[in-house]
């Protein structure tokens, strides 16, 4: 049986938790309000979407840590003791979360050096995609087939970054083989006709030329400039047009083959 003294202690303990619960609820509401105000302020700013994402993440973590310390103090937990314990364990924590800390530092490095911005098509550590965001620890890329690639910020900083969108235009390079029987001027003219699509930029003009004389075919290169946003649609359309133009001019696509000559 529970004695009256124990029941009274339980009631007193429950009463002492009421202020803690009130502080927690009010604190959560205040944090939500601050984050909304921060969202509005960041939307009006000229910061990149990647930068605003990182700032909001860090602000959210900081606010929750402050609220946790306030609630702990109200609950009678010595915050100074926690801080002292944290300082003693800081070395172990830093070693345990070394990669996470490195990623956070990498995020700040990316935002300060600006090697790319949200919406740019980049190639990082062998992965290509459109930059969606730079979070606290990861950089998010979206591929053409709608996959999301998360690369640690430390790996991004340490890797070679190829930004295909920084200048606003990209060059399409298409290599195609044609039969030796097809006259070179005819093949070049067919390639240039294939490149004549609405998204093609004519400054500089498209270029077609002989790249290599192979064992089974002459290799031609077609170079066409287009805007970065039109790169892939233009690439696929020009490839399809090449087949149509070759068929119109009776130009043969060759494949590895062997000619055998027998003497009588």
C-alpha atoms as a PDB file:
ATOM      1  CA  UNK A   1       0.000   0.000   0.000  1.00  0.00           C
ATOM      2  CA  UNK A   2       1.152   3.521  -0.739  1.00  0.00           C
ATOM      3  CA  UNK A   3       1.394   5.620   2.372  1.00  0.00           C
ATOM      4  CA  UNK A   4      -0.153   9.103   2.593  1.00  0.00           C
ATOM      5  CA  UNK A   5       3.367  10.565   2.759  1.00  0.00           C
ATOM      6  CA  UNK A   6       4.301   8.901  -0.557  1.00  0.00           C
ATOM      7  CA  UNK A   7       1.089  10.105  -2.187  1.00  0.00           C
ATOM      8  CA  UNK A   8       1.809  13.640  -1.000  1.00  0.00           C
ATOM      9  CA  UNK A   9       5.348  13.460  -2.401  1.00  0.00           C
ATOM     10  CA  UNK A  10       3.996  12.223  -5.744  1.00  0.00           C
ATOM     11  CA  UNK A  11       1.496  15.097  -5.839  1.00  0.00           C
ATOM     12  CA  UNK A  12       4.218  17.601  -5.022  1.00  0.00           C
ATOM     13  CA  UNK A  13       6.466  16.126  -7.730  1.00  0.00           C
ATOM     14  CA  UNK A  14       3.625  16.305 -10.267  1.00  0.00           C
ATOM     15  CA  UNK A  15       3.001  19.931  -9.333  1.00  0.00           C
ATOM     16  CA  UNK A  16       6.674  20.717  -9.804  1.00  0.00           C
ATOM     17  CA  UNK A  17       6.501  19.307 -13.346  1.00  0.00           C
ATOM     18  CA  UNK A  18       3.705  21.678 -14.365  1.00  0.00           C
ATOM     19  CA  UNK A  19       6.023  24.712 -14.795  1.00  0.00           C
ATOM     20  CA  UNK A  20       8.459  22.513 -16.716  1.00  0.00           C
ATOM     21  CA  UNK A  21       5.708  21.356 -19.083  1.00  0.00           C
ATOM     22  CA  UNK A  22       4.469  24.933 -19.530  1.00  0.00           C
ATOM     23  CA  UNK A  23       7.986  26.158 -20.325  1.00  0.00           C
ATOM     24  CA  UNK A  24       8.454  23.317 -22.793  1.00  0.00           C
ATOM     25  CA  UNK A  25       5.177  23.983 -24.618  1.00  0.00           C
ATOM     26  CA  UNK A  26       5.720  27.748 -24.681  1.00  0.00           C
ATOM     27  CA  UNK A  27       9.305  27.231 -25.809  1.00  0.00           C
ATOM     28  CA  UNK A  28       8.192  25.008 -28.712  1.00  0.00           C
ATOM     29  CA  UNK A  29       5.673  27.652 -29.796  1.00  0.00           C
ATOM     30  CA  UNK A  30       8.328  30.382 -29.585  1.00  0.00           C
ATOM     31  CA  UNK A  31      10.765  28.272 -31.626  1.00  0.00           C
ATOM     32  CA  UNK A  32       8.100  27.695 -34.274  1.00  0.00           C
ATOM     33  CA  UNK A  33       7.406  31.423 -34.420  1.00  0.00           C
ATOM     34  CA  UNK A  34      11.106  32.305 -34.675  1.00  0.00           C
ATOM     35  CA  UNK A  35      11.622  29.778 -37.475  1.00  0.00           C
ATOM     36  CA  UNK A  36       8.663  31.202 -39.410  1.00  0.00           C
ATOM     37  CA  UNK A  37      10.024  34.732 -39.039  1.00  0.00           C
ATOM     38  CA  UNK A  38      13.445  33.498 -40.112  1.00  0.00           C
ATOM     39  CA  UNK A  39      11.906  31.830 -43.181  1.00  0.00           C
ATOM     40  CA  UNK A  40      10.241  35.084 -44.216  1.00  0.00           C
ATOM     41  CA  UNK A  41      13.418  37.083 -43.679  1.00  0.00           C
ATOM     42  CA  UNK A  42      15.547  34.612 -45.633  1.00  0.00           C
ATOM     43  CA  UNK A  43      13.037  34.537 -48.485  1.00  0.00           C
ATOM     44  CA  UNK A  44      13.343  38.322 -48.815  1.00  0.00           C
ATOM     45  CA  UNK A  45      17.144  38.174 -48.674  1.00  0.00           C
ATOM     46  CA  UNK A  46      19.387  37.627 -51.687  1.00  0.00           C
ATOM     47  CA  UNK A  47      20.988  34.509 -50.273  1.00  0.00           C
ATOM     48  CA  UNK A  48      21.049  31.337 -52.335  1.00  0.00           C
ATOM     49  CA  UNK A  49      18.560  28.616 -51.486  1.00  0.00           C
ATOM     50  CA  UNK A  50      21.436  26.366 -50.432  1.00  0.00           C
ATOM     51  CA  UNK A  51      22.675  28.995 -47.960  1.00  0.00           C
ATOM     52  CA  UNK A  52      19.213  29.578 -46.478  1.00  0.00           C
ATOM     53  CA  UNK A  53      18.777  25.828 -46.001  1.00  0.00           C
ATOM     54  CA  UNK A  54      21.992  25.589 -44.002  1.00  0.00           C
ATOM     55  CA  UNK A  55      21.188  28.681 -41.908  1.00  0.00           C
ATOM     56  CA  UNK A  56      17.732  27.369 -41.033  1.00  0.00           C
ATOM     57  CA  UNK A  57      19.136  23.990 -40.031  1.00  0.00           C
ATOM     58  CA  UNK A  58      21.745  25.534 -37.734  1.00  0.00           C
ATOM     59  CA  UNK A  59      19.182  27.944 -36.230  1.00  0.00           C
ATOM     60  CA  UNK A  60      16.787  25.090 -35.510  1.00  0.00           C
ATOM     61  CA  UNK A  61      19.471  23.023 -33.753  1.00  0.00           C
ATOM     62  CA  UNK A  62      20.638  26.027 -31.701  1.00  0.00           C
ATOM     63  CA  UNK A  63      17.106  26.899 -30.543  1.00  0.00           C
ATOM     64  CA  UNK A  64      16.371  23.340 -29.464  1.00  0.00           C
ATOM     65  CA  UNK A  65      19.622  23.199 -27.474  1.00  0.00           C
ATOM     66  CA  UNK A  66      18.752  26.456 -25.680  1.00  0.00           C
ATOM     67  CA  UNK A  67      15.239  25.198 -24.896  1.00  0.00           C
ATOM     68  CA  UNK A  68      16.650  21.932 -23.579  1.00  0.00           C
ATOM     69  CA  UNK A  69      18.988  23.784 -21.212  1.00  0.00           C
ATOM     70  CA  UNK A  70      16.135  26.009 -19.932  1.00  0.00           C
ATOM     71  CA  UNK A  71      13.864  23.023 -19.314  1.00  0.00           C
ATOM     72  CA  UNK A  72      16.673  21.132 -17.575  1.00  0.00           C
ATOM     73  CA  UNK A  73      17.385  24.102 -15.302  1.00  0.00           C
ATOM     74  CA  UNK A  74      13.697  24.403 -14.399  1.00  0.00           C
ATOM     75  CA  UNK A  75      13.536  20.679 -13.652  1.00  0.00           C
ATOM     76  CA  UNK A  76      16.319  21.083 -11.113  1.00  0.00           C
ATOM     77  CA  UNK A  77      19.101  19.649 -13.239  1.00  0.00           C
ATOM     78  CA  UNK A  78      22.354  21.532 -12.791  1.00  0.00           C
ATOM     79  CA  UNK A  79      23.112  22.953 -16.202  1.00  0.00           C
ATOM     80  CA  UNK A  80      26.550  24.054 -15.042  1.00  0.00           C
ATOM     81  CA  UNK A  81      27.280  20.449 -14.193  1.00  0.00           C
ATOM     82  CA  UNK A  82      26.175  19.362 -17.624  1.00  0.00           C
ATOM     83  CA  UNK A  83      28.405  21.979 -19.243  1.00  0.00           C
ATOM     84  CA  UNK A  84      31.338  20.845 -17.104  1.00  0.00           C
ATOM     85  CA  UNK A  85      30.691  17.222 -18.042  1.00  0.00           C
ATOM     86  CA  UNK A  86      30.421  18.187 -21.690  1.00  0.00           C
ATOM     87  CA  UNK A  87      33.755  19.968 -21.555  1.00  0.00           C
ATOM     88  CA  UNK A  88      35.400  16.873 -20.077  1.00  0.00           C
ATOM     89  CA  UNK A  89      33.845  14.677 -22.745  1.00  0.00           C
ATOM     90  CA  UNK A  90      34.459  17.141 -25.591  1.00  0.00           C
ATOM     91  CA  UNK A  91      37.518  15.280 -26.846  1.00  0.00           C
ATOM     92  CA  UNK A  92      35.670  11.987 -27.058  1.00  0.00           C
ATOM     93  CA  UNK A  93      32.679  13.653 -28.702  1.00  0.00           C
ATOM     94  CA  UNK A  94      34.840  15.469 -31.225  1.00  0.00           C
ATOM     95  CA  UNK A  95      36.520  12.201 -32.179  1.00  0.00           C
ATOM     96  CA  UNK A  96      33.192  10.386 -32.411  1.00  0.00           C
ATOM     97  CA  UNK A  97      31.606  13.093 -34.540  1.00  0.00           C
ATOM     98  CA  UNK A  98      34.724  14.075 -36.447  1.00  0.00           C
ATOM     99  CA  UNK A  99      33.140  13.311 -39.813  1.00  0.00           C
ATOM    100  CA  UNK A 100      29.964  15.230 -38.934  1.00  0.00           C
ATOM    101  CA  UNK A 101      31.961  18.267 -37.806  1.00  0.00           C
ATOM    102  CA  UNK A 102      34.061  18.086 -40.952  1.00  0.00           C
ATOM    103  CA  UNK A 103      30.882  18.056 -43.039  1.00  0.00           C
ATOM    104  CA  UNK A 104      29.521  21.115 -41.203  1.00  0.00           C
ATOM    105  CA  UNK A 105      32.775  22.986 -41.809  1.00  0.00           C
ATOM    106  CA  UNK A 106      32.633  21.855 -45.430  1.00  0.00           C
ATOM    107  CA  UNK A 107      29.147  23.355 -45.707  1.00  0.00           C
ATOM    108  CA  UNK A 108      30.410  26.741 -44.545  1.00  0.00           C
ATOM    109  CA  UNK A 109      33.326  26.464 -46.973  1.00  0.00           C
ATOM    110  CA  UNK A 110      30.958  25.826 -49.898  1.00  0.00           C
ATOM    111  CA  UNK A 111      28.774  28.787 -48.952  1.00  0.00           C
ATOM    112  CA  UNK A 112      31.762  31.107 -48.653  1.00  0.00           C
ATOM    113  CA  UNK A 113      33.557  30.041 -51.855  1.00  0.00           C
ATOM    114  CA  UNK A 114      30.420  29.689 -54.044  1.00  0.00           C
ATOM    115  CA  UNK A 115      31.637  26.974 -56.471  1.00  0.00           C
ATOM    116  CA  UNK A 116      27.981  26.429 -57.421  1.00  0.00           C
ATOM    117  CA  UNK A 117      24.467  27.558 -56.541  1.00  0.00           C
ATOM    118  CA  UNK A 118      21.058  25.949 -56.368  1.00  0.00           C
ATOM    119  CA  UNK A 119      19.845  24.963 -59.822  1.00  0.00           C
ATOM    120  CA  UNK A 120      23.340  24.487 -61.294  1.00  0.00           C
ATOM    121  CA  UNK A 121      24.154  21.230 -63.037  1.00  0.00           C
ATOM    122  CA  UNK A 122      27.409  19.971 -61.562  1.00  0.00           C
ATOM    123  CA  UNK A 123      29.603  16.892 -61.437  1.00  0.00           C
ATOM    124  CA  UNK A 124      31.027  16.060 -58.005  1.00  0.00           C
ATOM    125  CA  UNK A 125      33.037  12.964 -57.102  1.00  0.00           C
ATOM    126  CA  UNK A 126      31.881  11.263 -60.285  1.00  0.00           C
ATOM    127  CA  UNK A 127      28.207  12.049 -59.617  1.00  0.00           C
ATOM    128  CA  UNK A 128      26.274  14.430 -61.873  1.00  0.00           C
ATOM    129  CA  UNK A 129      23.046  16.237 -61.073  1.00  0.00           C
ATOM    130  CA  UNK A 130      21.280  19.517 -60.371  1.00  0.00           C
ATOM    131  CA  UNK A 131      22.076  21.127 -57.012  1.00  0.00           C
ATOM    132  CA  UNK A 132      18.977  21.132 -54.801  1.00  0.00           C
ATOM    133  CA  UNK A 133      20.369  22.223 -51.429  1.00  0.00           C
ATOM    134  CA  UNK A 134      23.393  22.356 -49.133  1.00  0.00           C
ATOM    135  CA  UNK A 135      22.320  21.004 -45.750  1.00  0.00           C
ATOM    136  CA  UNK A 136      24.288  20.916 -42.505  1.00  0.00           C
ATOM    137  CA  UNK A 137      26.196  17.787 -43.492  1.00  0.00           C
ATOM    138  CA  UNK A 138      25.187  16.898 -47.055  1.00  0.00           C
ATOM    139  CA  UNK A 139      24.872  18.447 -50.506  1.00  0.00           C
ATOM    140  CA  UNK A 140      21.773  17.211 -52.338  1.00  0.00           C
ATOM    141  CA  UNK A 141      21.846  16.568 -56.088  1.00  0.00           C
ATOM    142  CA  UNK A 142      18.882  15.630 -58.280  1.00  0.00           C
ATOM    143  CA  UNK A 143      19.635  13.491 -61.330  1.00  0.00           C
ATOM    144  CA  UNK A 144      17.886  13.599 -64.699  1.00  0.00           C
ATOM    145  CA  UNK A 145      15.933  10.434 -63.797  1.00  0.00           C
ATOM    146  CA  UNK A 146      14.684  12.039 -60.545  1.00  0.00           C
ATOM    147  CA  UNK A 147      17.085  10.343 -58.147  1.00  0.00           C
ATOM    148  CA  UNK A 148      18.441  12.214 -55.135  1.00  0.00           C
ATOM    149  CA  UNK A 149      22.169  11.918 -54.438  1.00  0.00           C
ATOM    150  CA  UNK A 150      23.436  13.004 -51.005  1.00  0.00           C
ATOM    151  CA  UNK A 151      27.173  13.742 -50.952  1.00  0.00           C
ATOM    152  CA  UNK A 152      28.942  14.605 -47.658  1.00  0.00           C
ATOM    153  CA  UNK A 153      30.096  18.220 -47.676  1.00  0.00           C
ATOM    154  CA  UNK A 154      33.625  17.133 -46.746  1.00  0.00           C
ATOM    155  CA  UNK A 155      33.747  14.973 -49.887  1.00  0.00           C
ATOM    156  CA  UNK A 156      32.408  17.864 -51.993  1.00  0.00           C
ATOM    157  CA  UNK A 157      35.114  20.237 -50.745  1.00  0.00           C
ATOM    158  CA  UNK A 158      37.836  17.635 -51.326  1.00  0.00           C
ATOM    159  CA  UNK A 159      36.628  16.696 -54.831  1.00  0.00           C
ATOM    160  CA  UNK A 160      37.035  18.287 -58.220  1.00  0.00           C
ATOM    161  CA  UNK A 161      33.837  20.200 -58.986  1.00  0.00           C
ATOM    162  CA  UNK A 162      32.717  20.649 -62.590  1.00  0.00           C
ATOM    163  CA  UNK A 163      30.018  23.310 -62.927  1.00  0.00           C
ATOM    164  CA  UNK A 164      28.274  23.086 -66.291  1.00  0.00           C
ATOM    165  CA  UNK A 165      25.883  25.955 -65.573  1.00  0.00           C
ATOM    166  CA  UNK A 166      28.196  28.720 -64.384  1.00  0.00           C
ATOM    167  CA  UNK A 167      28.436  30.397 -67.810  1.00  0.00           C
ATOM    168  CA  UNK A 168      24.796  29.814 -68.775  1.00  0.00           C
ATOM    169  CA  UNK A 169      25.674  27.891 -71.970  1.00  0.00           C
ATOM    170  CA  UNK A 170      27.012  24.407 -72.713  1.00  0.00           C
ATOM    171  CA  UNK A 171      28.520  22.778 -75.771  1.00  0.00           C
ATOM    172  CA  UNK A 172      27.122  19.514 -77.072  1.00  0.00           C
ATOM    173  CA  UNK A 173      29.803  17.187 -78.452  1.00  0.00           C
ATOM    174  CA  UNK A 174      28.523  14.288 -80.552  1.00  0.00           C
ATOM    175  CA  UNK A 175      30.835  11.771 -82.207  1.00  0.00           C
ATOM    176  CA  UNK A 176      29.433   9.641 -85.016  1.00  0.00           C
ATOM    177  CA  UNK A 177      30.939   7.213 -87.514  1.00  0.00           C
ATOM    178  CA  UNK A 178      30.125   7.208 -91.233  1.00  0.00           C
ATOM    179  CA  UNK A 179      31.170   4.985 -94.111  1.00  0.00           C
ATOM    180  CA  UNK A 180      34.290   5.758 -96.138  1.00  0.00           C
ATOM    181  CA  UNK A 181      32.027   5.637 -99.203  1.00  0.00           C
ATOM    182  CA  UNK A 182      30.213   8.810 -98.105  1.00  0.00           C
ATOM    183  CA  UNK A 183      31.922  12.035 -99.267  1.00  0.00           C
ATOM    184  CA  UNK A 184      33.166  14.112 -96.354  1.00  0.00           C
ATOM    185  CA  UNK A 185      31.363  17.350 -97.433  1.00  0.00           C
ATOM    186  CA  UNK A 186      28.061  15.470 -97.667  1.00  0.00           C
ATOM    187  CA  UNK A 187      28.434  14.035 -94.153  1.00  0.00           C
ATOM    188  CA  UNK A 188      29.373  17.403 -92.681  1.00  0.00           C
ATOM    189  CA  UNK A 189      26.406  19.081 -94.347  1.00  0.00           C
ATOM    190  CA  UNK A 190      24.050  16.419 -92.955  1.00  0.00           C
ATOM    191  CA  UNK A 191      25.423  16.911 -89.449  1.00  0.00           C
ATOM    192  CA  UNK A 192      24.977  20.680 -89.640  1.00  0.00           C
ATOM    193  CA  UNK A 193      21.389  20.273 -90.830  1.00  0.00           C
ATOM    194  CA  UNK A 194      20.719  17.959 -87.877  1.00  0.00           C
ATOM    195  CA  UNK A 195      21.983  20.667 -85.529  1.00  0.00           C
ATOM    196  CA  UNK A 196      19.591  23.275 -86.884  1.00  0.00           C
ATOM    197  CA  UNK A 197      16.947  23.176 -84.120  1.00  0.00           C
ATOM    198  CA  UNK A 198      15.196  26.033 -82.215  1.00  0.00           C
ATOM    199  CA  UNK A 199      17.372  25.667 -79.104  1.00  0.00           C
ATOM    200  CA  UNK A 200      20.683  25.846 -80.972  1.00  0.00           C
ATOM    201  CA  UNK A 201      22.827  28.934 -80.394  1.00  0.00           C
ATOM    202  CA  UNK A 202      24.568  30.232 -83.519  1.00  0.00           C
ATOM    203  CA  UNK A 203      27.188  32.314 -81.703  1.00  0.00           C
ATOM    204  CA  UNK A 204      29.485  30.490 -82.049  1.00  0.00           C
ATOM    205  CA  UNK A 205      28.070  28.577 -84.989  1.00  0.00           C
ATOM    206  CA  UNK A 206      27.743  24.754 -84.976  1.00  0.00           C
ATOM    207  CA  UNK A 207      30.854  22.961 -86.188  1.00  0.00           C
ATOM    208  CA  UNK A 208      31.235  19.610 -87.947  1.00  0.00           C
ATOM    209  CA  UNK A 209      34.576  18.064 -88.852  1.00  0.00           C
ATOM    210  CA  UNK A 210      36.586  14.885 -89.234  1.00  0.00           C
ATOM    211  CA  UNK A 211      37.838  13.610 -85.904  1.00  0.00           C
ATOM    212  CA  UNK A 212      39.558  10.365 -86.792  1.00  0.00           C
ATOM    213  CA  UNK A 213      40.077   7.826 -89.569  1.00  0.00           C
ATOM    214  CA  UNK A 214      39.153   4.507 -87.991  1.00  0.00           C
ATOM    215  CA  UNK A 215      39.477   0.941 -89.194  1.00  0.00           C
ATOM    216  CA  UNK A 216      35.845   0.671 -90.241  1.00  0.00           C
ATOM    217  CA  UNK A 217      34.606   4.259 -90.492  1.00  0.00           C
ATOM    218  CA  UNK A 218      35.480   7.916 -90.536  1.00  0.00           C
ATOM    219  CA  UNK A 219      34.695   9.496 -87.181  1.00  0.00           C
ATOM    220  CA  UNK A 220      33.073  12.931 -87.272  1.00  0.00           C
ATOM    221  CA  UNK A 221      32.494  15.355 -84.420  1.00  0.00           C
ATOM    222  CA  UNK A 222      29.553  17.728 -84.198  1.00  0.00           C
ATOM    223  CA  UNK A 223      29.804  20.628 -81.742  1.00  0.00           C
ATOM    224  CA  UNK A 224      26.710  22.665 -80.946  1.00  0.00           C
ATOM    225  CA  UNK A 225      26.192  25.370 -78.315  1.00  0.00           C
ATOM    226  CA  UNK A 226      22.944  25.685 -76.362  1.00  0.00           C
ATOM    227  CA  UNK A 227      21.732  27.101 -73.060  1.00  0.00           C
ATOM    228  CA  UNK A 228      22.445  24.976 -69.977  1.00  0.00           C
ATOM    229  CA  UNK A 229      18.747  24.382 -69.364  1.00  0.00           C
ATOM    230  CA  UNK A 230      18.250  23.107 -72.938  1.00  0.00           C
ATOM    231  CA  UNK A 231      21.299  20.826 -72.991  1.00  0.00           C
ATOM    232  CA  UNK A 232      19.666  17.391 -72.651  1.00  0.00           C
ATOM    233  CA  UNK A 233      16.584  18.058 -74.827  1.00  0.00           C
ATOM    234  CA  UNK A 234      18.884  19.446 -77.529  1.00  0.00           C
ATOM    235  CA  UNK A 235      21.284  16.513 -77.196  1.00  0.00           C
ATOM    236  CA  UNK A 236      18.555  13.923 -77.759  1.00  0.00           C
ATOM    237  CA  UNK A 237      16.859  15.866 -80.559  1.00  0.00           C
ATOM    238  CA  UNK A 238      20.098  16.347 -82.513  1.00  0.00           C
ATOM    239  CA  UNK A 239      20.973  12.659 -82.178  1.00  0.00           C
ATOM    240  CA  UNK A 240      17.607  11.722 -83.636  1.00  0.00           C
ATOM    241  CA  UNK A 241      18.005  14.271 -86.444  1.00  0.00           C
ATOM    242  CA  UNK A 242      21.397  12.823 -87.399  1.00  0.00           C
ATOM    243  CA  UNK A 243      19.787   9.474 -88.142  1.00  0.00           C
ATOM    244  CA  UNK A 244      17.104  11.138 -90.278  1.00  0.00           C
ATOM    245  CA  UNK A 245      19.591  13.280 -92.212  1.00  0.00           C
ATOM    246  CA  UNK A 246      21.922  10.327 -92.835  1.00  0.00           C
ATOM    247  CA  UNK A 247      18.985   8.333 -94.175  1.00  0.00           C
ATOM    248  CA  UNK A 248      18.002  11.217 -96.459  1.00  0.00           C
ATOM    249  CA  UNK A 249      21.527  11.437 -97.951  1.00  0.00           C
ATOM    250  CA  UNK A 250      21.992   7.636 -97.991  1.00  0.00           C
ATOM    251  CA  UNK A 251      24.931   7.859 -95.580  1.00  0.00           C
ATOM    252  CA  UNK A 252      25.689   4.518 -93.996  1.00  0.00           C
ATOM    253  CA  UNK A 253      26.406   4.016 -90.297  1.00  0.00           C
ATOM    254  CA  UNK A 254      29.202   1.477 -90.221  1.00  0.00           C
ATOM    255  CA  UNK A 255      30.007  -1.262 -87.747  1.00  0.00           C
ATOM    256  CA  UNK A 256      33.059  -3.509 -87.279  1.00  0.00           C
ATOM    257  CA  UNK A 257      33.319  -5.890 -90.227  1.00  0.00           C
ATOM    258  CA  UNK A 258      35.921  -7.859 -92.113  1.00  0.00           C
ATOM    259  CA  UNK A 259      36.431  -7.938 -95.892  1.00  0.00           C
ATOM    260  CA  UNK A 260      37.824 -11.221 -97.210  1.00  0.00           C
ATOM    261  CA  UNK A 261      39.453 -11.290-100.692  1.00  0.00           C
ATOM    262  CA  UNK A 262      40.029 -14.727-102.233  1.00  0.00           C
ATOM    263  CA  UNK A 263      42.389 -15.284-105.102  1.00  0.00           C
ATOM    264  CA  UNK A 264      41.389 -17.588-107.928  1.00  0.00           C
END
